[in-house]
Amino acid sequence: MIFLNSFIVTLGTMTILQGAIYQYSGGNSISVTTDEAFAISDFLQKSLLPLLTPRILVSLVLMAAVEFFLRRTRSGRNFYIVGGNRNTAWLAGIDTDRYLVAAFILSSVMAAVGGVVSVLVSTAATLKLGENSLMYVISATIIGGTAMSGGKGGVLRTVVAIMSLEMLYTGIILFGLGNEVKIFFAGLILAYVVLYEAYAVHKHEKTLGQRPELMKELAARLSAKAGKGAGA
């Protein structure tokens, strides 16, 4: 079986679909002007409680559901095992191909729900929607603790990372700095996190298989031996 790089396939598919959408729409945004569409938009933005709208409520419910599924169910934990090491997961009796396909389907469904909610709120399908958020999303995901090598990550931590980045970018705008500064900081943060992860992986591989208590005992014995040699 031939395995393709998931990240490259995702970017390629995204580019193909963007081209298809441009062809279908003729390069123009598509607006909905019916009374029903405006009613749905008003409802999604209506305040139920301070800072809580149906739009935010949908996001919170989905976030909680996915976090519970990944952390508290057997199938959810299997996703982490497959992401961490497919060979180990296969040896453990997990159908790795099924979980890999399910991960892509789950991701696509969540992205589709987000797109539908955004369109319902704005009552228009714009071609530029989410086009410049790729680096932003990747940065927030990695900062939230998701390992590029797989096996680690969480929805809640990613949400906290998104909120932190949003506060940083809002501060940049309030200080009167341009969008280029925002992009610069996004790239800088992403570079730092990727380098830190690479360092952490390298450090882990160097100590792989070592038992800390035995290493401490060995260091103590070597130190005692060196002390005896110096006293002699």
C-alpha atoms as a PDB file:
ATOM      1  CA  MET A   1       0.000   0.000   0.000  1.00  0.00           C
ATOM      2  CA  ILE A   2       1.282   3.486  -0.893  1.00  0.00           C
ATOM      3  CA  PHE A   3       1.051   6.092   1.861  1.00  0.00           C
ATOM      4  CA  LEU A   4       0.855   9.734   0.878  1.00  0.00           C
ATOM      5  CA  ASN A   5       1.828  12.629   3.092  1.00  0.00           C
ATOM      6  CA  SER A   6      -1.445  13.781   4.653  1.00  0.00           C
ATOM      7  CA  PHE A   7      -0.382  17.416   4.948  1.00  0.00           C
ATOM      8  CA  ILE A   8       0.607  17.656   1.280  1.00  0.00           C
ATOM      9  CA  VAL A   9      -2.580  15.892   0.148  1.00  0.00           C
ATOM     10  CA  THR A  10      -4.674  18.269   2.264  1.00  0.00           C
ATOM     11  CA  LEU A  11      -3.014  21.361   0.787  1.00  0.00           C
ATOM     12  CA  GLY A  12      -3.341  19.977  -2.746  1.00  0.00           C
ATOM     13  CA  THR A  13      -7.005  19.120  -2.313  1.00  0.00           C
ATOM     14  CA  MET A  14      -7.681  22.542  -0.795  1.00  0.00           C
ATOM     15  CA  THR A  15      -6.099  24.256  -3.799  1.00  0.00           C
ATOM     16  CA  ILE A  16      -8.094  22.125  -6.252  1.00  0.00           C
ATOM     17  CA  LEU A  17     -11.376  22.856  -4.476  1.00  0.00           C
ATOM     18  CA  GLN A  18     -10.607  26.572  -4.309  1.00  0.00           C
ATOM     19  CA  GLY A  19     -10.052  26.563  -8.066  1.00  0.00           C
ATOM     20  CA  ALA A  20     -13.300  24.667  -8.619  1.00  0.00           C
ATOM     21  CA  ILE A  21     -15.212  27.167  -6.450  1.00  0.00           C
ATOM     22  CA  TYR A  22     -13.750  30.097  -8.385  1.00  0.00           C
ATOM     23  CA  GLN A  23     -14.874  28.468 -11.617  1.00  0.00           C
ATOM     24  CA  TYR A  24     -18.369  27.728 -10.281  1.00  0.00           C
ATOM     25  CA  SER A  25     -18.938  31.220  -8.851  1.00  0.00           C
ATOM     26  CA  GLY A  26     -17.193  33.119 -11.603  1.00  0.00           C
ATOM     27  CA  GLY A  27     -14.925  34.728  -9.024  1.00  0.00           C
ATOM     28  CA  ASN A  28     -17.821  36.459  -7.254  1.00  0.00           C
ATOM     29  CA  SER A  29     -19.317  36.091  -3.798  1.00  0.00           C
ATOM     30  CA  ILE A  30     -22.761  34.543  -3.536  1.00  0.00           C
ATOM     31  CA  SER A  31     -25.248  36.380  -1.320  1.00  0.00           C
ATOM     32  CA  VAL A  32     -28.580  35.214   0.075  1.00  0.00           C
ATOM     33  CA  THR A  33     -31.190  37.944   0.445  1.00  0.00           C
ATOM     34  CA  THR A  34     -34.293  36.029   1.530  1.00  0.00           C
ATOM     35  CA  ASP A  35     -36.141  36.904   4.721  1.00  0.00           C
ATOM     36  CA  GLU A  36     -35.491  33.411   6.109  1.00  0.00           C
ATOM     37  CA  ALA A  37     -31.730  33.850   5.694  1.00  0.00           C
ATOM     38  CA  PHE A  38     -31.736  37.179   7.537  1.00  0.00           C
ATOM     39  CA  ALA A  39     -33.888  35.674  10.292  1.00  0.00           C
ATOM     40  CA  ILE A  40     -31.388  32.845  10.816  1.00  0.00           C
ATOM     41  CA  SER A  41     -28.502  35.337  10.820  1.00  0.00           C
ATOM     42  CA  ASP A  42     -30.214  37.501  13.436  1.00  0.00           C
ATOM     43  CA  PHE A  43     -30.951  34.452  15.594  1.00  0.00           C
ATOM     44  CA  LEU A  44     -27.348  33.213  15.541  1.00  0.00           C
ATOM     45  CA  GLN A  45     -26.112  36.628  16.667  1.00  0.00           C
ATOM     46  CA  LYS A  46     -28.802  37.211  19.292  1.00  0.00           C
ATOM     47  CA  SER A  47     -27.438  37.429  22.851  1.00  0.00           C
ATOM     48  CA  LEU A  48     -28.794  34.674  25.077  1.00  0.00           C
ATOM     49  CA  LEU A  49     -26.509  35.691  27.939  1.00  0.00           C
ATOM     50  CA  PRO A  50     -23.704  38.262  28.145  1.00  0.00           C
ATOM     51  CA  LEU A  51     -21.065  37.238  25.560  1.00  0.00           C
ATOM     52  CA  LEU A  52     -23.080  34.113  24.677  1.00  0.00           C
ATOM     53  CA  THR A  53     -24.878  33.810  21.354  1.00  0.00           C
ATOM     54  CA  PRO A  54     -26.257  30.700  19.600  1.00  0.00           C
ATOM     55  CA  ARG A  55     -23.230  30.872  17.290  1.00  0.00           C
ATOM     56  CA  ILE A  56     -20.843  30.651  20.245  1.00  0.00           C
ATOM     57  CA  LEU A  57     -23.046  28.038  21.915  1.00  0.00           C
ATOM     58  CA  VAL A  58     -22.779  25.758  18.867  1.00  0.00           C
ATOM     59  CA  SER A  59     -18.970  26.083  19.011  1.00  0.00           C
ATOM     60  CA  LEU A  60     -18.876  25.283  22.734  1.00  0.00           C
ATOM     61  CA  VAL A  61     -21.122  22.232  22.352  1.00  0.00           C
ATOM     62  CA  LEU A  62     -19.050  20.835  19.483  1.00  0.00           C
ATOM     63  CA  MET A  63     -15.816  21.535  21.355  1.00  0.00           C
ATOM     64  CA  ALA A  64     -17.048  19.762  24.489  1.00  0.00           C
ATOM     65  CA  ALA A  65     -18.391  16.805  22.499  1.00  0.00           C
ATOM     66  CA  VAL A  66     -15.150  16.248  20.576  1.00  0.00           C
ATOM     67  CA  GLU A  67     -13.011  16.704  23.704  1.00  0.00           C
ATOM     68  CA  PHE A  68     -15.147  14.183  25.608  1.00  0.00           C
ATOM     69  CA  PHE A  69     -15.008  11.730  22.709  1.00  0.00           C
ATOM     70  CA  LEU A  70     -11.220  11.915  22.395  1.00  0.00           C
ATOM     71  CA  ARG A  71     -10.459  11.797  26.121  1.00  0.00           C
ATOM     72  CA  ARG A  72     -13.173   9.600  27.592  1.00  0.00           C
ATOM     73  CA  THR A  73     -13.973   6.937  25.003  1.00  0.00           C
ATOM     74  CA  ARG A  74     -12.007   3.962  23.778  1.00  0.00           C
ATOM     75  CA  SER A  75     -12.361   4.971  20.140  1.00  0.00           C
ATOM     76  CA  GLY A  76     -11.148   8.477  20.939  1.00  0.00           C
ATOM     77  CA  ARG A  77      -8.023   7.198  22.678  1.00  0.00           C
ATOM     78  CA  ASN A  78      -7.385   4.907  19.726  1.00  0.00           C
ATOM     79  CA  PHE A  79      -7.047   8.019  17.552  1.00  0.00           C
ATOM     80  CA  TYR A  80      -4.110   9.114  19.713  1.00  0.00           C
ATOM     81  CA  ILE A  81      -2.519   5.676  19.480  1.00  0.00           C
ATOM     82  CA  VAL A  82      -2.822   5.627  15.692  1.00  0.00           C
ATOM     83  CA  GLY A  83      -1.464   9.168  15.489  1.00  0.00           C
ATOM     84  CA  GLY A  84       1.474   8.358  17.744  1.00  0.00           C
ATOM     85  CA  ASN A  85       2.591   5.173  16.015  1.00  0.00           C
ATOM     86  CA  ARG A  86       0.593   3.390  13.327  1.00  0.00           C
ATOM     87  CA  ASN A  87       2.679   0.216  13.540  1.00  0.00           C
ATOM     88  CA  THR A  88       2.182  -0.078  17.296  1.00  0.00           C
ATOM     89  CA  ALA A  89      -1.539   0.577  16.874  1.00  0.00           C
ATOM     90  CA  TRP A  90      -1.771  -2.115  14.199  1.00  0.00           C
ATOM     91  CA  LEU A  91       0.069  -4.610  16.415  1.00  0.00           C
ATOM     92  CA  ALA A  92      -2.414  -3.762  19.181  1.00  0.00           C
ATOM     93  CA  GLY A  93      -5.253  -4.886  16.917  1.00  0.00           C
ATOM     94  CA  ILE A  94      -6.519  -1.451  15.878  1.00  0.00           C
ATOM     95  CA  ASP A  95      -7.777  -0.985  12.330  1.00  0.00           C
ATOM     96  CA  THR A  96      -5.428   1.906  11.517  1.00  0.00           C
ATOM     97  CA  ASP A  97      -6.810   2.563   8.030  1.00  0.00           C
ATOM     98  CA  ARG A  98     -10.342   2.935   9.359  1.00  0.00           C
ATOM     99  CA  TYR A  99      -9.244   5.364  12.064  1.00  0.00           C
ATOM    100  CA  LEU A 100      -7.172   7.371   9.607  1.00  0.00           C
ATOM    101  CA  VAL A 101     -10.138   7.780   7.262  1.00  0.00           C
ATOM    102  CA  ALA A 102     -12.422   8.562  10.212  1.00  0.00           C
ATOM    103  CA  ALA A 103     -10.036  11.301  11.388  1.00  0.00           C
ATOM    104  CA  PHE A 104     -10.185  13.010   8.001  1.00  0.00           C
ATOM    105  CA  ILE A 105     -13.978  12.666   7.884  1.00  0.00           C
ATOM    106  CA  LEU A 106     -14.362  14.112  11.392  1.00  0.00           C
ATOM    107  CA  SER A 107     -12.064  17.012  10.536  1.00  0.00           C
ATOM    108  CA  SER A 108     -13.955  17.690   7.310  1.00  0.00           C
ATOM    109  CA  VAL A 109     -17.341  17.601   9.056  1.00  0.00           C
ATOM    110  CA  MET A 110     -16.178  20.094  11.696  1.00  0.00           C
ATOM    111  CA  ALA A 111     -14.776  22.386   8.996  1.00  0.00           C
ATOM    112  CA  ALA A 112     -18.040  22.128   7.047  1.00  0.00           C
ATOM    113  CA  VAL A 113     -20.107  22.984  10.138  1.00  0.00           C
ATOM    114  CA  GLY A 114     -17.873  25.996  10.794  1.00  0.00           C
ATOM    115  CA  GLY A 115     -18.255  27.142   7.198  1.00  0.00           C
ATOM    116  CA  VAL A 116     -22.020  26.726   7.242  1.00  0.00           C
ATOM    117  CA  VAL A 117     -22.361  28.703  10.488  1.00  0.00           C
ATOM    118  CA  SER A 118     -20.161  31.494   9.123  1.00  0.00           C
ATOM    119  CA  VAL A 119     -22.198  31.681   5.927  1.00  0.00           C
ATOM    120  CA  LEU A 120     -25.484  31.696   7.857  1.00  0.00           C
ATOM    121  CA  VAL A 121     -24.246  34.579  10.006  1.00  0.00           C
ATOM    122  CA  SER A 122     -22.994  36.689   7.086  1.00  0.00           C
ATOM    123  CA  THR A 123     -25.741  35.515   4.659  1.00  0.00           C
ATOM    124  CA  ALA A 124     -23.059  35.313   1.983  1.00  0.00           C
ATOM    125  CA  ALA A 125     -20.495  32.827   0.712  1.00  0.00           C
ATOM    126  CA  THR A 126     -17.303  34.807   0.139  1.00  0.00           C
ATOM    127  CA  LEU A 127     -14.374  33.381  -1.768  1.00  0.00           C
ATOM    128  CA  LYS A 128     -11.838  34.838   0.659  1.00  0.00           C
ATOM    129  CA  LEU A 129     -13.429  33.254   3.744  1.00  0.00           C
ATOM    130  CA  GLY A 130     -10.660  31.491   5.692  1.00  0.00           C
ATOM    131  CA  GLU A 131      -8.132  31.956   2.911  1.00  0.00           C
ATOM    132  CA  ASN A 132      -5.605  33.785   5.103  1.00  0.00           C
ATOM    133  CA  SER A 133      -6.209  31.755   8.256  1.00  0.00           C
ATOM    134  CA  LEU A 134      -4.127  28.690   7.360  1.00  0.00           C
ATOM    135  CA  MET A 135      -0.951  29.791   9.164  1.00  0.00           C
ATOM    136  CA  TYR A 136      -3.055  31.127  12.023  1.00  0.00           C
ATOM    137  CA  VAL A 137      -4.809  27.779  12.514  1.00  0.00           C
ATOM    138  CA  ILE A 138      -1.585  25.780  12.233  1.00  0.00           C
ATOM    139  CA  SER A 139       0.144  28.056  14.746  1.00  0.00           C
ATOM    140  CA  ALA A 140      -2.719  27.781  17.237  1.00  0.00           C
ATOM    141  CA  THR A 141      -2.887  23.998  16.865  1.00  0.00           C
ATOM    142  CA  ILE A 142       0.833  23.498  17.479  1.00  0.00           C
ATOM    143  CA  ILE A 143       0.929  26.024  20.326  1.00  0.00           C
ATOM    144  CA  GLY A 144      -2.001  24.140  21.844  1.00  0.00           C
ATOM    145  CA  GLY A 145       0.230  21.097  22.249  1.00  0.00           C
ATOM    146  CA  THR A 146      -0.571  19.077  19.134  1.00  0.00           C
ATOM    147  CA  ALA A 147       2.565  17.291  17.982  1.00  0.00           C
ATOM    148  CA  MET A 148       3.405  17.395  14.278  1.00  0.00           C
ATOM    149  CA  SER A 149       4.458  13.753  14.631  1.00  0.00           C
ATOM    150  CA  GLY A 150       1.007  12.874  16.009  1.00  0.00           C
ATOM    151  CA  GLY A 151      -0.191  11.219  19.183  1.00  0.00           C
ATOM    152  CA  LYS A 152      -0.504  14.372  21.308  1.00  0.00           C
ATOM    153  CA  GLY A 153      -2.960  17.260  21.353  1.00  0.00           C
ATOM    154  CA  GLY A 154      -6.298  18.420  22.640  1.00  0.00           C
ATOM    155  CA  VAL A 155      -9.264  20.549  21.638  1.00  0.00           C
ATOM    156  CA  LEU A 156      -9.381  22.631  24.822  1.00  0.00           C
ATOM    157  CA  ARG A 157      -5.701  23.554  24.667  1.00  0.00           C
ATOM    158  CA  THR A 158      -6.070  24.500  21.025  1.00  0.00           C
ATOM    159  CA  VAL A 159      -8.992  26.787  21.884  1.00  0.00           C
ATOM    160  CA  VAL A 160      -6.896  28.447  24.615  1.00  0.00           C
ATOM    161  CA  ALA A 161      -4.080  28.933  22.081  1.00  0.00           C
ATOM    162  CA  ILE A 162      -6.490  30.500  19.582  1.00  0.00           C
ATOM    163  CA  MET A 163      -7.800  32.914  22.194  1.00  0.00           C
ATOM    164  CA  SER A 164      -4.244  33.823  23.228  1.00  0.00           C
ATOM    165  CA  LEU A 165      -3.209  34.508  19.639  1.00  0.00           C
ATOM    166  CA  GLU A 166      -6.379  36.507  19.046  1.00  0.00           C
ATOM    167  CA  MET A 167      -5.578  38.703  22.058  1.00  0.00           C
ATOM    168  CA  LEU A 168      -2.037  39.183  20.746  1.00  0.00           C
ATOM    169  CA  TYR A 169      -3.258  40.157  17.274  1.00  0.00           C
ATOM    170  CA  THR A 170      -5.903  42.464  18.749  1.00  0.00           C
ATOM    171  CA  GLY A 171      -3.155  44.173  20.735  1.00  0.00           C
ATOM    172  CA  ILE A 172      -1.105  44.613  17.558  1.00  0.00           C
ATOM    173  CA  ILE A 173      -4.070  46.288  15.864  1.00  0.00           C
ATOM    174  CA  LEU A 174      -4.753  48.524  18.888  1.00  0.00           C
ATOM    175  CA  PHE A 175      -1.142  49.707  18.796  1.00  0.00           C
ATOM    176  CA  GLY A 176      -1.723  50.806  15.219  1.00  0.00           C
ATOM    177  CA  LEU A 177       0.586  48.243  13.623  1.00  0.00           C
ATOM    178  CA  GLY A 178      -0.192  46.878  10.173  1.00  0.00           C
ATOM    179  CA  ASN A 179      -1.298  43.443   9.020  1.00  0.00           C
ATOM    180  CA  GLU A 180       2.268  42.670   7.934  1.00  0.00           C
ATOM    181  CA  VAL A 181       3.343  42.844  11.594  1.00  0.00           C
ATOM    182  CA  LYS A 182       0.567  40.401  12.484  1.00  0.00           C
ATOM    183  CA  ILE A 183       1.774  37.977   9.809  1.00  0.00           C
ATOM    184  CA  PHE A 184       5.369  38.412  11.000  1.00  0.00           C
ATOM    185  CA  PHE A 185       4.473  37.552  14.591  1.00  0.00           C
ATOM    186  CA  ALA A 186       2.387  34.575  13.466  1.00  0.00           C
ATOM    187  CA  GLY A 187       5.345  33.189  11.519  1.00  0.00           C
ATOM    188  CA  LEU A 188       7.749  33.933  14.374  1.00  0.00           C
ATOM    189  CA  ILE A 189       5.589  32.127  16.914  1.00  0.00           C
ATOM    190  CA  LEU A 190       5.113  29.164  14.594  1.00  0.00           C
ATOM    191  CA  ALA A 191       8.859  28.923  13.935  1.00  0.00           C
ATOM    192  CA  TYR A 192       9.625  29.026  17.653  1.00  0.00           C
ATOM    193  CA  VAL A 193       7.087  26.321  18.487  1.00  0.00           C
ATOM    194  CA  VAL A 194       8.285  24.039  15.665  1.00  0.00           C
ATOM    195  CA  LEU A 195      11.914  24.446  16.723  1.00  0.00           C
ATOM    196  CA  TYR A 196      11.024  23.791  20.350  1.00  0.00           C
ATOM    197  CA  GLU A 197       9.126  20.633  19.387  1.00  0.00           C
ATOM    198  CA  ALA A 198      12.086  19.433  17.316  1.00  0.00           C
ATOM    199  CA  TYR A 199      14.375  20.013  20.302  1.00  0.00           C
ATOM    200  CA  ALA A 200      11.986  18.192  22.648  1.00  0.00           C
ATOM    201  CA  VAL A 201      11.760  15.211  20.269  1.00  0.00           C
ATOM    202  CA  HIS A 202      15.573  15.107  19.934  1.00  0.00           C
ATOM    203  CA  LYS A 203      15.987  15.227  23.724  1.00  0.00           C
ATOM    204  CA  HIS A 204      13.401  12.486  24.169  1.00  0.00           C
ATOM    205  CA  GLU A 205      15.116  10.236  21.626  1.00  0.00           C
ATOM    206  CA  LYS A 206      18.465  10.682  23.397  1.00  0.00           C
ATOM    207  CA  THR A 207      16.977   9.511  26.701  1.00  0.00           C
ATOM    208  CA  LEU A 208      14.727   6.833  25.182  1.00  0.00           C
ATOM    209  CA  GLY A 209      14.985   3.609  27.156  1.00  0.00           C
ATOM    210  CA  GLN A 210      16.843   5.188  30.052  1.00  0.00           C
ATOM    211  CA  ARG A 211      15.466   4.781  33.565  1.00  0.00           C
ATOM    212  CA  PRO A 212      15.884   8.009  35.563  1.00  0.00           C
ATOM    213  CA  GLU A 213      16.395   6.237  38.911  1.00  0.00           C
ATOM    214  CA  LEU A 214      19.168   4.059  37.487  1.00  0.00           C
ATOM    215  CA  MET A 215      20.826   7.046  35.832  1.00  0.00           C
ATOM    216  CA  LYS A 216      20.835   8.904  39.159  1.00  0.00           C
ATOM    217  CA  GLU A 217      22.303   5.867  40.931  1.00  0.00           C
ATOM    218  CA  LEU A 218      24.985   5.521  38.258  1.00  0.00           C
ATOM    219  CA  ALA A 219      25.843   9.228  38.529  1.00  0.00           C
ATOM    220  CA  ALA A 220      26.098   8.918  42.334  1.00  0.00           C
ATOM    221  CA  ARG A 221      28.421   5.919  42.063  1.00  0.00           C
ATOM    222  CA  LEU A 222      30.626   7.632  39.534  1.00  0.00           C
ATOM    223  CA  SER A 223      30.792  10.716  41.732  1.00  0.00           C
ATOM    224  CA  ALA A 224      31.688   8.600  44.788  1.00  0.00           C
ATOM    225  CA  LYS A 225      34.328   6.742  42.795  1.00  0.00           C
ATOM    226  CA  ALA A 226      35.792  10.012  41.573  1.00  0.00           C
ATOM    227  CA  GLY A 227      35.870  11.307  45.157  1.00  0.00           C
ATOM    228  CA  LYS A 228      37.738   8.211  46.386  1.00  0.00           C
ATOM    229  CA  GLY A 229      40.221   8.541  43.530  1.00  0.00           C
ATOM    230  CA  ALA A 230      40.883  12.173  44.404  1.00  0.00           C
ATOM    231  CA  GLY A 231      41.332  11.292  48.103  1.00  0.00           C
ATOM    232  CA  ALA A 232      43.834   8.592  47.233  1.00  0.00           C
END
